[in-house]
Amino acid sequence: MAKSCFYPQNNGDISNSITQNWTEQALECYNLGGDCSRCSISKGHYSFVCQMPKIVDILVNMNGKPSI
């Protein structure tokens, strides 16, 4: 049985609120170089398409690389 995925109904737009600060999940994604196969979220078998690599790119461009 194929797993269905949730695609947000926002035309691919990312909320400004999630791109303001480095979160624990954003830091994990950054440290993994966006390698979803090693991400803790992917191991949770969630039914959504991860947008974190895009969010990390925005965070780096707007706020610079994390200091941690």
Protein backbone atom coordinates (compact mmCIF):
# COMPACT_ATOMS: atom_id res chain seq x y z
CA MET A 1 0.00 0.00 0.00
CA ALA A 2 1.45 3.35 -1.03
CA LYS A 3 1.83 6.01 1.61
CA SER A 4 0.05 9.25 0.85
CA CYS A 5 1.78 12.55 1.46
CA PHE A 6 0.33 15.82 2.62
CA TYR A 7 1.11 18.77 0.39
CA PRO A 8 0.34 22.13 2.02
CA GLN A 9 -2.30 24.22 0.30
CA ASN A 10 -0.16 27.36 0.25
CA ASN A 11 1.16 27.36 -3.33
CA GLY A 12 4.61 26.42 -2.00
CA ASP A 13 4.93 29.60 0.05
CA ILE A 14 6.79 29.31 3.34
CA SER A 15 5.50 31.21 6.36
CA ASN A 16 7.68 34.12 7.45
CA SER A 17 7.34 33.02 11.08
CA ILE A 18 9.33 29.83 10.50
CA THR A 19 12.19 31.67 8.80
CA GLN A 20 12.92 34.17 11.58
CA ASN A 21 15.09 32.08 13.92
CA TRP A 22 17.21 28.96 13.94
CA THR A 23 15.13 26.18 15.50
CA GLU A 24 16.45 22.85 16.74
CA GLN A 25 15.10 21.14 13.63
CA ALA A 26 16.59 23.77 11.31
CA LEU A 27 19.97 23.34 13.00
CA GLU A 28 19.76 19.57 12.58
CA CYS A 29 18.96 19.98 8.89
CA TYR A 30 21.82 22.47 8.46
CA ASN A 31 24.30 20.18 10.23
CA LEU A 32 23.21 17.23 8.08
CA GLY A 33 23.67 19.29 4.93
CA GLY A 34 20.01 18.75 4.05
CA ASP A 35 20.50 14.96 3.90
CA CYS A 36 16.93 13.85 4.61
CA SER A 37 17.95 10.20 4.89
CA ARG A 38 19.77 11.03 8.15
CA CYS A 39 17.10 13.36 9.58
CA SER A 40 15.16 12.51 12.74
CA ILE A 41 11.92 13.70 11.12
CA SER A 42 12.24 11.28 8.22
CA LYS A 43 12.57 8.44 10.73
CA GLY A 44 9.19 9.42 12.17
CA HIS A 45 7.39 8.45 8.94
CA TYR A 46 5.34 11.63 8.82
CA SER A 47 2.94 12.10 5.92
CA PHE A 48 4.14 15.51 4.74
CA VAL A 49 6.77 16.77 2.35
CA CYS A 50 9.61 18.36 4.30
CA GLN A 51 10.32 22.00 3.51
CA MET A 52 13.25 22.31 5.95
CA PRO A 53 16.05 22.47 3.32
CA LYS A 54 14.27 25.49 1.80
CA ILE A 55 13.86 27.04 5.25
CA VAL A 56 17.55 26.50 6.03
CA ASP A 57 18.49 28.29 2.78
CA ILE A 58 16.30 31.24 3.75
CA LEU A 59 17.74 31.33 7.29
CA VAL A 60 21.33 31.33 5.98
CA ASN A 61 20.53 34.10 3.47
CA MET A 62 18.65 36.27 5.97
CA ASN A 63 20.45 35.56 9.25
CA GLY A 64 23.76 34.01 8.28
CA LYS A 65 25.13 30.63 9.27
CA PRO A 66 24.29 29.48 12.79
CA SER A 67 26.92 30.03 15.47
CA ILE A 68 26.39 26.59 17.02
